[in-house]
Amino acid sequence: MTTHSKEIRVQTTVIVPVLGGENGAWAACGELPNVLGEYTVRSCEDLRVIVESQGGVVSRLLSAVQRYTGFRLLARDERTHALAGSVEWVRGDSGLWVQWDEPVTMCAYGQHRPAPVLCA
């Protein structure tokens, strides 16, 4: 287990495809709070578990909302808003949500500490 050099706080949010919008446009999910949750991350495993488990929670929360074909759960550093992790889910042929891919975290790219905040 790779630990982070410092504890970081992440916030999770959910975005969905914009219906009738430009190709590839995504926006905040109106059926959910802007910030779904706030978590302390001490290791790469913590971050992976947060992204994966929260994706499952969102799939249940959106199970009755038929207008969306997919959603992305994003985990961002609370301080810098840098993307720390994400996972995408799509509605399968049966109408149930399925995880489209493996969760991606900053750890996969060797980033085990918060990004610096640049001041002007």
PDB file of N, CA and C in Angstrom:
ATOM      1  N   MET A   1       0.845  -1.172   0.000  1.00  0.00           N
ATOM      2  CA  MET A   1       0.000   0.000   0.000  1.00  0.00           C
ATOM      3  C   MET A   1       0.890   1.235   0.000  1.00  0.00           C
ATOM      4  N   THR A   2       0.689   2.102  -0.970  1.00  0.00           N
ATOM      5  CA  THR A   2       1.440   3.342  -1.051  1.00  0.00           C
ATOM      6  C   THR A   2       0.725   4.411  -0.257  1.00  0.00           C
ATOM      7  N   THR A   3       1.442   4.976   0.709  1.00  0.00           N
ATOM      8  CA  THR A   3       0.840   6.052   1.489  1.00  0.00           C
ATOM      9  C   THR A   3       1.206   7.383   0.860  1.00  0.00           C
ATOM     10  N   HIS A   4       0.414   8.382   1.111  1.00  0.00           N
ATOM     11  CA  HIS A   4       0.676   9.708   0.577  1.00  0.00           C
ATOM     12  C   HIS A   4       1.599  10.444   1.530  1.00  0.00           C
ATOM     13  N   SER A   5       2.395  11.364   0.965  1.00  0.00           N
ATOM     14  CA  SER A   5       3.329  12.109   1.804  1.00  0.00           C
ATOM     15  C   SER A   5       2.596  13.002   2.793  1.00  0.00           C
ATOM     16  N   LYS A   6       1.380  13.414   2.432  1.00  0.00           N
ATOM     17  CA  LYS A   6       0.530  14.193   3.330  1.00  0.00           C
ATOM     18  C   LYS A   6      -0.894  13.684   3.158  1.00  0.00           C
ATOM     19  N   GLU A   7      -1.653  13.824   4.208  1.00  0.00           N
ATOM     20  CA  GLU A   7      -3.076  13.532   4.124  1.00  0.00           C
ATOM     21  C   GLU A   7      -3.701  14.552   3.183  1.00  0.00           C
ATOM     22  N   ILE A   8      -4.595  14.108   2.330  1.00  0.00           N
ATOM     23  CA  ILE A   8      -5.325  15.069   1.512  1.00  0.00           C
ATOM     24  C   ILE A   8      -6.814  14.874   1.733  1.00  0.00           C
ATOM     25  N   ARG A   9      -7.566  15.923   1.491  1.00  0.00           N
ATOM     26  CA  ARG A   9      -9.024  15.861   1.574  1.00  0.00           C
ATOM     27  C   ARG A   9      -9.547  15.937   0.155  1.00  0.00           C
ATOM     28  N   VAL A  10     -10.475  15.054  -0.170  1.00  0.00           N
ATOM     29  CA  VAL A  10     -11.095  15.100  -1.483  1.00  0.00           C
ATOM     30  C   VAL A  10     -12.596  15.287  -1.339  1.00  0.00           C
ATOM     31  N   GLN A  11     -13.173  15.892  -2.363  1.00  0.00           N
ATOM     32  CA  GLN A  11     -14.619  16.036  -2.460  1.00  0.00           C
ATOM     33  C   GLN A  11     -15.058  15.265  -3.700  1.00  0.00           C
ATOM     34  N   THR A  12     -16.163  14.541  -3.581  1.00  0.00           N
ATOM     35  CA  THR A  12     -16.690  13.824  -4.736  1.00  0.00           C
ATOM     36  C   THR A  12     -17.870  14.593  -5.317  1.00  0.00           C
ATOM     37  N   THR A  13     -17.928  14.588  -6.640  1.00  0.00           N
ATOM     38  CA  THR A  13     -19.014  15.215  -7.379  1.00  0.00           C
ATOM     39  C   THR A  13     -19.430  14.270  -8.497  1.00  0.00           C
ATOM     40  N   VAL A  14     -20.607  14.515  -9.060  1.00  0.00           N
ATOM     41  CA  VAL A  14     -21.114  13.675 -10.139  1.00  0.00           C
ATOM     42  C   VAL A  14     -21.473  14.567 -11.324  1.00  0.00           C
ATOM     43  N   ILE A  15     -20.997  14.168 -12.509  1.00  0.00           N
ATOM     44  CA  ILE A  15     -21.373  14.859 -13.732  1.00  0.00           C
ATOM     45  C   ILE A  15     -22.064  13.866 -14.664  1.00  0.00           C
ATOM     46  N   VAL A  16     -22.932  14.401 -15.512  1.00  0.00           N
ATOM     47  CA  VAL A  16     -23.705  13.575 -16.448  1.00  0.00           C
ATOM     48  C   VAL A  16     -23.621  14.213 -17.833  1.00  0.00           C
ATOM     49  N   PRO A  17     -23.862  13.413 -18.891  1.00  0.00           N
ATOM     50  CA  PRO A  17     -23.865  13.998 -20.242  1.00  0.00           C
ATOM     51  C   PRO A  17     -24.981  15.033 -20.359  1.00  0.00           C
ATOM     52  N   VAL A  18     -24.689  16.119 -21.057  1.00  0.00           N
ATOM     53  CA  VAL A  18     -25.686  17.157 -21.277  1.00  0.00           C
ATOM     54  C   VAL A  18     -26.612  16.690 -22.388  1.00  0.00           C
ATOM     55  N   LEU A  19     -27.890  16.585 -22.086  1.00  0.00           N
ATOM     56  CA  LEU A  19     -28.869  16.139 -23.067  1.00  0.00           C
ATOM     57  C   LEU A  19     -29.074  17.218 -24.117  1.00  0.00           C
ATOM     58  N   GLY A  20     -28.872  16.872 -25.375  1.00  0.00           N
ATOM     59  CA  GLY A  20     -29.041  17.827 -26.459  1.00  0.00           C
ATOM     60  C   GLY A  20     -27.925  18.848 -26.545  1.00  0.00           C
ATOM     61  N   GLY A  21     -26.876  18.661 -25.770  1.00  0.00           N
ATOM     62  CA  GLY A  21     -25.757  19.609 -25.774  1.00  0.00           C
ATOM     63  C   GLY A  21     -24.713  19.235 -26.813  1.00  0.00           C
ATOM     64  N   GLU A  22     -23.638  19.968 -26.815  1.00  0.00           N
ATOM     65  CA  GLU A  22     -22.523  19.697 -27.710  1.00  0.00           C
ATOM     66  C   GLU A  22     -21.990  18.289 -27.455  1.00  0.00           C
ATOM     67  N   ASN A  23     -21.417  17.686 -28.487  1.00  0.00           N
ATOM     68  CA  ASN A  23     -20.828  16.357 -28.316  1.00  0.00           C
ATOM     69  C   ASN A  23     -19.793  16.379 -27.196  1.00  0.00           C
ATOM     70  N   GLY A  24     -19.921  15.445 -26.303  1.00  0.00           N
ATOM     71  CA  GLY A  24     -18.959  15.322 -25.220  1.00  0.00           C
ATOM     72  C   GLY A  24     -19.157  16.278 -24.064  1.00  0.00           C
ATOM     73  N   ALA A  25     -20.223  17.054 -24.062  1.00  0.00           N
ATOM     74  CA  ALA A  25     -20.453  18.011 -22.978  1.00  0.00           C
ATOM     75  C   ALA A  25     -21.007  17.295 -21.747  1.00  0.00           C
ATOM     76  N   TRP A  26     -20.460  17.615 -20.590  1.00  0.00           N
ATOM     77  CA  TRP A  26     -20.893  17.067 -19.312  1.00  0.00           C
ATOM     78  C   TRP A  26     -21.170  18.225 -18.361  1.00  0.00           C
ATOM     79  N   ALA A  27     -22.096  18.005 -17.441  1.00  0.00           N
ATOM     80  CA  ALA A  27     -22.433  19.034 -16.449  1.00  0.00           C
ATOM     81  C   ALA A  27     -22.806  18.366 -15.132  1.00  0.00           C
ATOM     82  N   ALA A  28     -22.887  19.171 -14.087  1.00  0.00           N
ATOM     83  CA  ALA A  28     -23.269  18.658 -12.760  1.00  0.00           C
ATOM     84  C   ALA A  28     -24.637  17.989 -12.829  1.00  0.00           C
ATOM     85  N   CYS A  29     -24.797  16.929 -12.068  1.00  0.00           N
ATOM     86  CA  CYS A  29     -26.060  16.187 -12.013  1.00  0.00           C
ATOM     87  C   CYS A  29     -27.022  16.944 -11.098  1.00  0.00           C
ATOM     88  N   GLY A  30     -28.145  17.394 -11.665  1.00  0.00           N
ATOM     89  CA  GLY A  30     -29.113  18.180 -10.911  1.00  0.00           C
ATOM     90  C   GLY A  30     -29.845  17.407  -9.832  1.00  0.00           C
ATOM     91  N   GLU A  31     -29.870  16.079  -9.913  1.00  0.00           N
ATOM     92  CA  GLU A  31     -30.577  15.265  -8.918  1.00  0.00           C
ATOM     93  C   GLU A  31     -29.749  15.007  -7.663  1.00  0.00           C
ATOM     94  N   LEU A  32     -28.484  15.399  -7.678  1.00  0.00           N
ATOM     95  CA  LEU A  32     -27.590  15.134  -6.546  1.00  0.00           C
ATOM     96  C   LEU A  32     -26.984  16.440  -6.045  1.00  0.00           C
ATOM     97  N   PRO A  33     -26.528  16.456  -4.793  1.00  0.00           N
ATOM     98  CA  PRO A  33     -25.853  17.662  -4.280  1.00  0.00           C
ATOM     99  C   PRO A  33     -24.606  17.974  -5.104  1.00  0.00           C
ATOM    100  N   ASN A  34     -24.203  19.250  -5.147  1.00  0.00           N
ATOM    101  CA  ASN A  34     -22.978  19.621  -5.870  1.00  0.00           C
ATOM    102  C   ASN A  34     -21.771  18.870  -5.342  1.00  0.00           C
ATOM    103  N   VAL A  35     -21.667  18.760  -4.030  1.00  0.00           N
ATOM    104  CA  VAL A  35     -20.609  17.955  -3.406  1.00  0.00           C
ATOM    105  C   VAL A  35     -21.291  16.753  -2.767  1.00  0.00           C
ATOM    106  N   LEU A  36     -20.990  15.588  -3.299  1.00  0.00           N
ATOM    107  CA  LEU A  36     -21.621  14.372  -2.802  1.00  0.00           C
ATOM    108  C   LEU A  36     -21.035  13.952  -1.450  1.00  0.00           C
ATOM    109  N   GLY A  37     -19.724  14.086  -1.304  1.00  0.00           N
ATOM    110  CA  GLY A  37     -19.088  13.697  -0.049  1.00  0.00           C
ATOM    111  C   GLY A  37     -17.713  14.318   0.100  1.00  0.00           C
ATOM    112  N   GLU A  38     -17.187  14.290   1.320  1.00  0.00           N
ATOM    113  CA  GLU A  38     -15.844  14.783   1.624  1.00  0.00           C
ATOM    114  C   GLU A  38     -15.123  13.706   2.407  1.00  0.00           C
ATOM    115  N   TYR A  39     -13.871  13.410   1.996  1.00  0.00           N
ATOM    116  CA  TYR A  39     -13.147  12.277   2.563  1.00  0.00           C
ATOM    117  C   TYR A  39     -11.687  12.633   2.785  1.00  0.00           C
ATOM    118  N   THR A  40     -11.086  11.987   3.779  1.00  0.00           N
ATOM    119  CA  THR A  40      -9.659  12.103   4.027  1.00  0.00           C
ATOM    120  C   THR A  40      -8.968  10.923   3.354  1.00  0.00           C
ATOM    121  N   VAL A  41      -7.916  11.214   2.588  1.00  0.00           N
ATOM    122  CA  VAL A  41      -7.167  10.187   1.867  1.00  0.00           C
ATOM    123  C   VAL A  41      -5.768  10.108   2.460  1.00  0.00           C
ATOM    124  N   ARG A  42      -5.420   8.916   2.909  1.00  0.00           N
ATOM    125  CA  ARG A  42      -4.090   8.693   3.481  1.00  0.00           C
ATOM    126  C   ARG A  42      -3.247   7.760   2.633  1.00  0.00           C
ATOM    127  N   SER A  43      -3.900   7.044   1.698  1.00  0.00           N
ATOM    128  CA  SER A  43      -3.163   6.085   0.862  1.00  0.00           C
ATOM    129  C   SER A  43      -3.843   5.957  -0.496  1.00  0.00           C
ATOM    130  N   CYS A  44      -3.133   5.365  -1.424  1.00  0.00           N
ATOM    131  CA  CYS A  44      -3.692   5.105  -2.748  1.00  0.00           C
ATOM    132  C   CYS A  44      -4.907   4.189  -2.645  1.00  0.00           C
ATOM    133  N   GLU A  45      -4.857   3.236  -1.752  1.00  0.00           N
ATOM    134  CA  GLU A  45      -5.984   2.319  -1.573  1.00  0.00           C
ATOM    135  C   GLU A  45      -7.214   3.071  -1.072  1.00  0.00           C
ATOM    136  N   ASP A  46      -7.029   4.022  -0.153  1.00  0.00           N
ATOM    137  CA  ASP A  46      -8.153   4.846   0.317  1.00  0.00           C
ATOM    138  C   ASP A  46      -8.843   5.524  -0.862  1.00  0.00           C
ATOM    139  N   LEU A  47      -8.049   6.134  -1.728  1.00  0.00           N
ATOM    140  CA  LEU A  47      -8.594   6.873  -2.857  1.00  0.00           C
ATOM    141  C   LEU A  47      -9.343   5.945  -3.813  1.00  0.00           C
ATOM    142  N   ARG A  48      -8.787   4.791  -4.113  1.00  0.00           N
ATOM    143  CA  ARG A  48      -9.434   3.837  -5.011  1.00  0.00           C
ATOM    144  C   ARG A  48     -10.761   3.372  -4.428  1.00  0.00           C
ATOM    145  N   VAL A  49     -10.774   3.055  -3.139  1.00  0.00           N
ATOM    146  CA  VAL A  49     -11.998   2.585  -2.484  1.00  0.00           C
ATOM    147  C   VAL A  49     -13.069   3.676  -2.482  1.00  0.00           C
ATOM    148  N   ILE A  50     -12.684   4.911  -2.227  1.00  0.00           N
ATOM    149  CA  ILE A  50     -13.645   6.014  -2.218  1.00  0.00           C
ATOM    150  C   ILE A  50     -14.292   6.156  -3.587  1.00  0.00           C
ATOM    151  N   VAL A  51     -13.485   6.190  -4.635  1.00  0.00           N
ATOM    152  CA  VAL A  51     -14.011   6.376  -5.990  1.00  0.00           C
ATOM    153  C   VAL A  51     -14.889   5.194  -6.390  1.00  0.00           C
ATOM    154  N   GLU A  52     -14.428   3.986  -6.123  1.00  0.00           N
ATOM    155  CA  GLU A  52     -15.188   2.802  -6.519  1.00  0.00           C
ATOM    156  C   GLU A  52     -16.496   2.669  -5.733  1.00  0.00           C
ATOM    157  N   SER A  53     -16.448   2.834  -4.434  1.00  0.00           N
ATOM    158  CA  SER A  53     -17.651   2.637  -3.625  1.00  0.00           C
ATOM    159  C   SER A  53     -18.666   3.757  -3.857  1.00  0.00           C
ATOM    160  N   GLN A  54     -18.209   4.993  -4.001  1.00  0.00           N
ATOM    161  CA  GLN A  54     -19.139   6.086  -4.235  1.00  0.00           C
ATOM    162  C   GLN A  54     -19.814   5.971  -5.602  1.00  0.00           C
ATOM    163  N   GLY A  55     -19.122   5.398  -6.583  1.00  0.00           N
ATOM    164  CA  GLY A  55     -19.751   5.134  -7.877  1.00  0.00           C
ATOM    165  C   GLY A  55     -20.930   4.185  -7.720  1.00  0.00           C
ATOM    166  N   GLY A  56     -20.767   3.166  -6.887  1.00  0.00           N
ATOM    167  CA  GLY A  56     -21.858   2.230  -6.616  1.00  0.00           C
ATOM    168  C   GLY A  56     -23.027   2.891  -5.914  1.00  0.00           C
ATOM    169  N   VAL A  57     -22.730   3.796  -4.991  1.00  0.00           N
ATOM    170  CA  VAL A  57     -23.785   4.518  -4.285  1.00  0.00           C
ATOM    171  C   VAL A  57     -24.570   5.385  -5.275  1.00  0.00           C
ATOM    172  N   VAL A  58     -23.866   6.085  -6.144  1.00  0.00           N
ATOM    173  CA  VAL A  58     -24.528   6.954  -7.120  1.00  0.00           C
ATOM    174  C   VAL A  58     -25.398   6.124  -8.064  1.00  0.00           C
ATOM    175  N   SER A  59     -24.922   4.951  -8.456  1.00  0.00           N
ATOM    176  CA  SER A  59     -25.737   4.107  -9.352  1.00  0.00           C
ATOM    177  C   SER A  59     -27.067   3.766  -8.706  1.00  0.00           C
ATOM    178  N   ARG A  60     -27.077   3.562  -7.398  1.00  0.00           N
ATOM    179  CA  ARG A  60     -28.336   3.282  -6.700  1.00  0.00           C
ATOM    180  C   ARG A  60     -29.192   4.544  -6.574  1.00  0.00           C
ATOM    181  N   LEU A  61     -28.560   5.680  -6.311  1.00  0.00           N
ATOM    182  CA  LEU A  61     -29.306   6.929  -6.194  1.00  0.00           C
ATOM    183  C   LEU A  61     -29.963   7.325  -7.518  1.00  0.00           C
ATOM    184  N   LEU A  62     -29.320   6.999  -8.626  1.00  0.00           N
ATOM    185  CA  LEU A  62     -29.846   7.360  -9.941  1.00  0.00           C
ATOM    186  C   LEU A  62     -30.595   6.222 -10.632  1.00  0.00           C
ATOM    187  N   SER A  63     -30.876   5.156  -9.907  1.00  0.00           N
ATOM    188  CA  SER A  63     -31.520   3.994 -10.540  1.00  0.00           C
ATOM    189  C   SER A  63     -32.886   4.326 -11.132  1.00  0.00           C
ATOM    190  N   ALA A  64     -33.611   5.254 -10.550  1.00  0.00           N
ATOM    191  CA  ALA A  64     -34.946   5.587 -11.052  1.00  0.00           C
ATOM    192  C   ALA A  64     -34.929   6.729 -12.071  1.00  0.00           C
ATOM    193  N   VAL A  65     -33.776   7.351 -12.255  1.00  0.00           N
ATOM    194  CA  VAL A  65     -33.672   8.467 -13.201  1.00  0.00           C
ATOM    195  C   VAL A  65     -33.287   7.895 -14.559  1.00  0.00           C
ATOM    196  N   GLN A  66     -34.242   7.828 -15.466  1.00  0.00           N
ATOM    197  CA  GLN A  66     -34.028   7.152 -16.745  1.00  0.00           C
ATOM    198  C   GLN A  66     -33.395   8.030 -17.823  1.00  0.00           C
ATOM    199  N   ARG A  67     -33.359   9.334 -17.649  1.00  0.00           N
ATOM    200  CA  ARG A  67     -32.904  10.193 -18.742  1.00  0.00           C
ATOM    201  C   ARG A  67     -31.394  10.193 -18.948  1.00  0.00           C
ATOM    202  N   TYR A  68     -30.623   9.681 -18.015  1.00  0.00           N
ATOM    203  CA  TYR A  68     -29.169   9.679 -18.158  1.00  0.00           C
ATOM    204  C   TYR A  68     -28.674   8.348 -18.711  1.00  0.00           C
ATOM    205  N   THR A  69     -27.705   8.424 -19.623  1.00  0.00           N
ATOM    206  CA  THR A  69     -27.100   7.222 -20.182  1.00  0.00           C
ATOM    207  C   THR A  69     -25.790   6.886 -19.484  1.00  0.00           C
ATOM    208  N   GLY A  70     -25.294   7.813 -18.695  1.00  0.00           N
ATOM    209  CA  GLY A  70     -24.041   7.583 -17.988  1.00  0.00           C
ATOM    210  C   GLY A  70     -23.810   8.655 -16.947  1.00  0.00           C
ATOM    211  N   PHE A  71     -22.805   8.420 -16.124  1.00  0.00           N
ATOM    212  CA  PHE A  71     -22.357   9.441 -15.172  1.00  0.00           C
ATOM    213  C   PHE A  71     -20.898   9.208 -14.850  1.00  0.00           C
ATOM    214  N   ARG A  72     -20.251  10.249 -14.411  1.00  0.00           N
ATOM    215  CA  ARG A  72     -18.864  10.156 -13.955  1.00  0.00           C
ATOM    216  C   ARG A  72     -18.804  10.670 -12.523  1.00  0.00           C
ATOM    217  N   LEU A  73     -18.179   9.890 -11.680  1.00  0.00           N
ATOM    218  CA  LEU A  73     -17.917  10.322 -10.307  1.00  0.00           C
ATOM    219  C   LEU A  73     -16.493  10.856 -10.300  1.00  0.00           C
ATOM    220  N   LEU A  74     -16.320  12.081  -9.831  1.00  0.00           N
ATOM    221  CA  LEU A  74     -15.012  12.725  -9.778  1.00  0.00           C
ATOM    222  C   LEU A  74     -14.619  12.970  -8.329  1.00  0.00           C
ATOM    223  N   ALA A  75     -13.364  12.721  -8.005  1.00  0.00           N
ATOM    224  CA  ALA A  75     -12.811  13.058  -6.693  1.00  0.00           C
ATOM    225  C   ALA A  75     -11.753  14.130  -6.925  1.00  0.00           C
ATOM    226  N   ARG A  76     -11.939  15.278  -6.295  1.00  0.00           N
ATOM    227  CA  ARG A  76     -11.008  16.389  -6.481  1.00  0.00           C
ATOM    228  C   ARG A  76     -10.402  16.803  -5.149  1.00  0.00           C
ATOM    229  N   ASP A  77      -9.137  17.211  -5.208  1.00  0.00           N
ATOM    230  CA  ASP A  77      -8.461  17.740  -4.033  1.00  0.00           C
ATOM    231  C   ASP A  77      -9.268  18.932  -3.534  1.00  0.00           C
ATOM    232  N   GLU A  78      -9.631  18.917  -2.271  1.00  0.00           N
ATOM    233  CA  GLU A  78     -10.477  19.966  -1.695  1.00  0.00           C
ATOM    234  C   GLU A  78      -9.829  21.340  -1.768  1.00  0.00           C
ATOM    235  N   ARG A  79      -8.514  21.383  -1.671  1.00  0.00           N
ATOM    236  CA  ARG A  79      -7.787  22.652  -1.625  1.00  0.00           C
ATOM    237  C   ARG A  79      -7.501  23.202  -3.022  1.00  0.00           C
ATOM    238  N   THR A  80      -6.997  22.352  -3.928  1.00  0.00           N
ATOM    239  CA  THR A  80      -6.566  22.819  -5.250  1.00  0.00           C
ATOM    240  C   THR A  80      -7.591  22.538  -6.345  1.00  0.00           C
ATOM    241  N   HIS A  81      -8.548  21.667  -6.059  1.00  0.00           N
ATOM    242  CA  HIS A  81      -9.554  21.212  -7.019  1.00  0.00           C
ATOM    243  C   HIS A  81      -8.955  20.359  -8.139  1.00  0.00           C
ATOM    244  N   ALA A  82      -7.707  19.932  -7.974  1.00  0.00           N
ATOM    245  CA  ALA A  82      -7.079  19.048  -8.958  1.00  0.00           C
ATOM    246  C   ALA A  82      -7.783  17.694  -8.933  1.00  0.00           C
ATOM    247  N   LEU A  83      -7.951  17.101 -10.102  1.00  0.00           N
ATOM    248  CA  LEU A  83      -8.590  15.800 -10.182  1.00  0.00           C
ATOM    249  C   LEU A  83      -7.700  14.750  -9.522  1.00  0.00           C
ATOM    250  N   ALA A  84      -8.253  14.021  -8.555  1.00  0.00           N
ATOM    251  CA  ALA A  84      -7.507  12.985  -7.851  1.00  0.00           C
ATOM    252  C   ALA A  84      -7.937  11.588  -8.293  1.00  0.00           C
ATOM    253  N   GLY A  85      -9.170  11.453  -8.765  1.00  0.00           N
ATOM    254  CA  GLY A  85      -9.658  10.146  -9.196  1.00  0.00           C
ATOM    255  C   GLY A  85     -11.000  10.265  -9.887  1.00  0.00           C
ATOM    256  N   SER A  86     -11.348   9.239 -10.654  1.00  0.00           N
ATOM    257  CA  SER A  86     -12.651   9.238 -11.325  1.00  0.00           C
ATOM    258  C   SER A  86     -13.030   7.827 -11.739  1.00  0.00           C
ATOM    259  N   VAL A  87     -14.312   7.654 -12.014  1.00  0.00           N
ATOM    260  CA  VAL A  87     -14.825   6.403 -12.557  1.00  0.00           C
ATOM    261  C   VAL A  87     -16.078   6.744 -13.362  1.00  0.00           C
ATOM    262  N   GLU A  88     -16.295   5.998 -14.426  1.00  0.00           N
ATOM    263  CA  GLU A  88     -17.466   6.237 -15.273  1.00  0.00           C
ATOM    264  C   GLU A  88     -18.380   5.020 -15.240  1.00  0.00           C
ATOM    265  N   TRP A  89     -19.678   5.281 -15.196  1.00  0.00           N
ATOM    266  CA  TRP A  89     -20.703   4.249 -15.227  1.00  0.00           C
ATOM    267  C   TRP A  89     -21.632   4.525 -16.403  1.00  0.00           C
ATOM    268  N   VAL A  90     -22.161   3.467 -17.011  1.00  0.00           N
ATOM    269  CA  VAL A  90     -23.116   3.606 -18.110  1.00  0.00           C
ATOM    270  C   VAL A  90     -24.321   2.724 -17.833  1.00  0.00           C
ATOM    271  N   ARG A  91     -25.417   3.062 -18.483  1.00  0.00           N
ATOM    272  CA  ARG A  91     -26.620   2.243 -18.350  1.00  0.00           C
ATOM    273  C   ARG A  91     -26.496   1.087 -19.343  1.00  0.00           C
ATOM    274  N   GLY A  92     -26.538  -0.134 -18.846  1.00  0.00           N
ATOM    275  CA  GLY A  92     -26.426  -1.317 -19.685  1.00  0.00           C
ATOM    276  C   GLY A  92     -27.700  -1.592 -20.461  1.00  0.00           C
ATOM    277  N   ASP A  93     -27.651  -2.606 -21.334  1.00  0.00           N
ATOM    278  CA  ASP A  93     -28.810  -2.984 -22.148  1.00  0.00           C
ATOM    279  C   ASP A  93     -30.026  -3.329 -21.293  1.00  0.00           C
ATOM    280  N   SER A  94     -29.780  -3.837 -20.096  1.00  0.00           N
ATOM    281  CA  SER A  94     -30.877  -4.214 -19.200  1.00  0.00           C
ATOM    282  C   SER A  94     -31.492  -3.017 -18.484  1.00  0.00           C
ATOM    283  N   GLY A  95     -30.866  -1.844 -18.628  1.00  0.00           N
ATOM    284  CA  GLY A  95     -31.351  -0.657 -17.928  1.00  0.00           C
ATOM    285  C   GLY A  95     -30.661  -0.426 -16.594  1.00  0.00           C
ATOM    286  N   LEU A  96     -29.831  -1.379 -16.174  1.00  0.00           N
ATOM    287  CA  LEU A  96     -29.101  -1.244 -14.913  1.00  0.00           C
ATOM    288  C   LEU A  96     -27.770  -0.543 -15.150  1.00  0.00           C
ATOM    289  N   TRP A  97     -27.286   0.142 -14.125  1.00  0.00           N
ATOM    290  CA  TRP A  97     -25.988   0.798 -14.213  1.00  0.00           C
ATOM    291  C   TRP A  97     -24.869  -0.220 -14.111  1.00  0.00           C
ATOM    292  N   VAL A  98     -23.843  -0.063 -14.936  1.00  0.00           N
ATOM    293  CA  VAL A  98     -22.648  -0.907 -14.870  1.00  0.00           C
ATOM    294  C   VAL A  98     -21.420  -0.006 -14.910  1.00  0.00           C
ATOM    295  N   GLN A  99     -20.413  -0.387 -14.163  1.00  0.00           N
ATOM    296  CA  GLN A  99     -19.173   0.382 -14.158  1.00  0.00           C
ATOM    297  C   GLN A  99     -18.493   0.173 -15.506  1.00  0.00           C
ATOM    298  N   TRP A 100     -18.185   1.267 -16.202  1.00  0.00           N
ATOM    299  CA  TRP A 100     -17.642   1.197 -17.553  1.00  0.00           C
ATOM    300  C   TRP A 100     -16.172   0.796 -17.556  1.00  0.00           C
ATOM    301  N   ASP A 101     -15.422   1.293 -16.602  1.00  0.00           N
ATOM    302  CA  ASP A 101     -13.991   1.026 -16.568  1.00  0.00           C
ATOM    303  C   ASP A 101     -13.505   0.960 -15.129  1.00  0.00           C
ATOM    304  N   GLU A 102     -12.243   0.670 -14.980  1.00  0.00           N
ATOM    305  CA  GLU A 102     -11.652   0.660 -13.638  1.00  0.00           C
ATOM    306  C   GLU A 102     -11.500   2.099 -13.157  1.00  0.00           C
ATOM    307  N   PRO A 103     -11.625   2.325 -11.864  1.00  0.00           N
ATOM    308  CA  PRO A 103     -11.389   3.675 -11.346  1.00  0.00           C
ATOM    309  C   PRO A 103      -9.964   4.125 -11.678  1.00  0.00           C
ATOM    310  N   VAL A 104      -9.826   5.393 -12.006  1.00  0.00           N
ATOM    311  CA  VAL A 104      -8.523   5.980 -12.280  1.00  0.00           C
ATOM    312  C   VAL A 104      -8.203   6.905 -11.118  1.00  0.00           C
ATOM    313  N   THR A 105      -6.981   6.816 -10.601  1.00  0.00           N
ATOM    314  CA  THR A 105      -6.571   7.706  -9.518  1.00  0.00           C
ATOM    315  C   THR A 105      -5.232   8.339  -9.868  1.00  0.00           C
ATOM    316  N   MET A 106      -4.931   9.432  -9.184  1.00  0.00           N
ATOM    317  CA  MET A 106      -3.659  10.111  -9.398  1.00  0.00           C
ATOM    318  C   MET A 106      -2.491   9.182  -9.069  1.00  0.00           C
ATOM    319  N   CYS A 107      -2.739   8.204  -8.233  1.00  0.00           N
ATOM    320  CA  CYS A 107      -1.683   7.263  -7.850  1.00  0.00           C
ATOM    321  C   CYS A 107      -1.173   6.464  -9.045  1.00  0.00           C
ATOM    322  N   ALA A 108      -2.049   6.214 -10.017  1.00  0.00           N
ATOM    323  CA  ALA A 108      -1.643   5.467 -11.206  1.00  0.00           C
ATOM    324  C   ALA A 108      -0.568   6.216 -11.989  1.00  0.00           C
ATOM    325  N   TYR A 109      -0.450   7.514 -11.740  1.00  0.00           N
ATOM    326  CA  TYR A 109       0.535   8.335 -12.438  1.00  0.00           C
ATOM    327  C   TYR A 109       1.664   8.780 -11.516  1.00  0.00           C
ATOM    328  N   GLY A 110       1.792   8.097 -10.381  1.00  0.00           N
ATOM    329  CA  GLY A 110       2.889   8.367  -9.462  1.00  0.00           C
ATOM    330  C   GLY A 110       2.731   9.615  -8.624  1.00  0.00           C
ATOM    331  N   GLN A 111       1.536  10.164  -8.551  1.00  0.00           N
ATOM    332  CA  GLN A 111       1.306  11.368  -7.754  1.00  0.00           C
ATOM    333  C   GLN A 111       0.758  10.960  -6.394  1.00  0.00           C
ATOM    334  N   HIS A 112       1.625  10.953  -5.411  1.00  0.00           N
ATOM    335  CA  HIS A 112       1.239  10.510  -4.073  1.00  0.00           C
ATOM    336  C   HIS A 112       1.249  11.651  -3.070  1.00  0.00           C
ATOM    337  N   ARG A 113       1.104  12.847  -3.564  1.00  0.00           N
ATOM    338  CA  ARG A 113       1.023  14.024  -2.687  1.00  0.00           C
ATOM    339  C   ARG A 113       0.174  15.068  -3.375  1.00  0.00           C
ATOM    340  N   PRO A 114      -0.367  15.995  -2.627  1.00  0.00           N
ATOM    341  CA  PRO A 114      -1.193  17.042  -3.241  1.00  0.00           C
ATOM    342  C   PRO A 114      -0.375  17.894  -4.196  1.00  0.00           C
ATOM    343  N   ALA A 115      -1.006  18.386  -5.238  1.00  0.00           N
ATOM    344  CA  ALA A 115      -0.339  19.287  -6.160  1.00  0.00           C
ATOM    345  C   ALA A 115      -0.120  20.633  -5.475  1.00  0.00           C
ATOM    346  N   PRO A 116       0.987  21.298  -5.810  1.00  0.00           N
ATOM    347  CA  PRO A 116       1.202  22.614  -5.196  1.00  0.00           C
ATOM    348  C   PRO A 116       0.196  23.633  -5.695  1.00  0.00           C
ATOM    349  N   VAL A 117      -0.099  24.603  -4.866  1.00  0.00           N
ATOM    350  CA  VAL A 117      -0.993  25.682  -5.263  1.00  0.00           C
ATOM    351  C   VAL A 117      -0.095  26.828  -5.735  1.00  0.00           C
ATOM    352  N   LEU A 118      -0.292  27.257  -6.969  1.00  0.00           N
ATOM    353  CA  LEU A 118       0.513  28.332  -7.529  1.00  0.00           C
ATOM    354  C   LEU A 118      -0.176  29.668  -7.257  1.00  0.00           C
ATOM    355  N   CYS A 119       0.563  30.600  -6.743  1.00  0.00           N
ATOM    356  CA  CYS A 119       0.011  31.929  -6.465  1.00  0.00           C
ATOM    357  C   CYS A 119       0.513  32.914  -7.504  1.00  0.00           C
ATOM    358  N   ALA A 120      -0.342  33.833  -7.870  1.00  0.00           N
ATOM    359  CA  ALA A 120       0.061  34.850  -8.866  1.00  0.00           C
ATOM    360  C   ALA A 120       0.822  35.972  -8.209  1.00  0.00           C
TER     361      ALA A 120
END
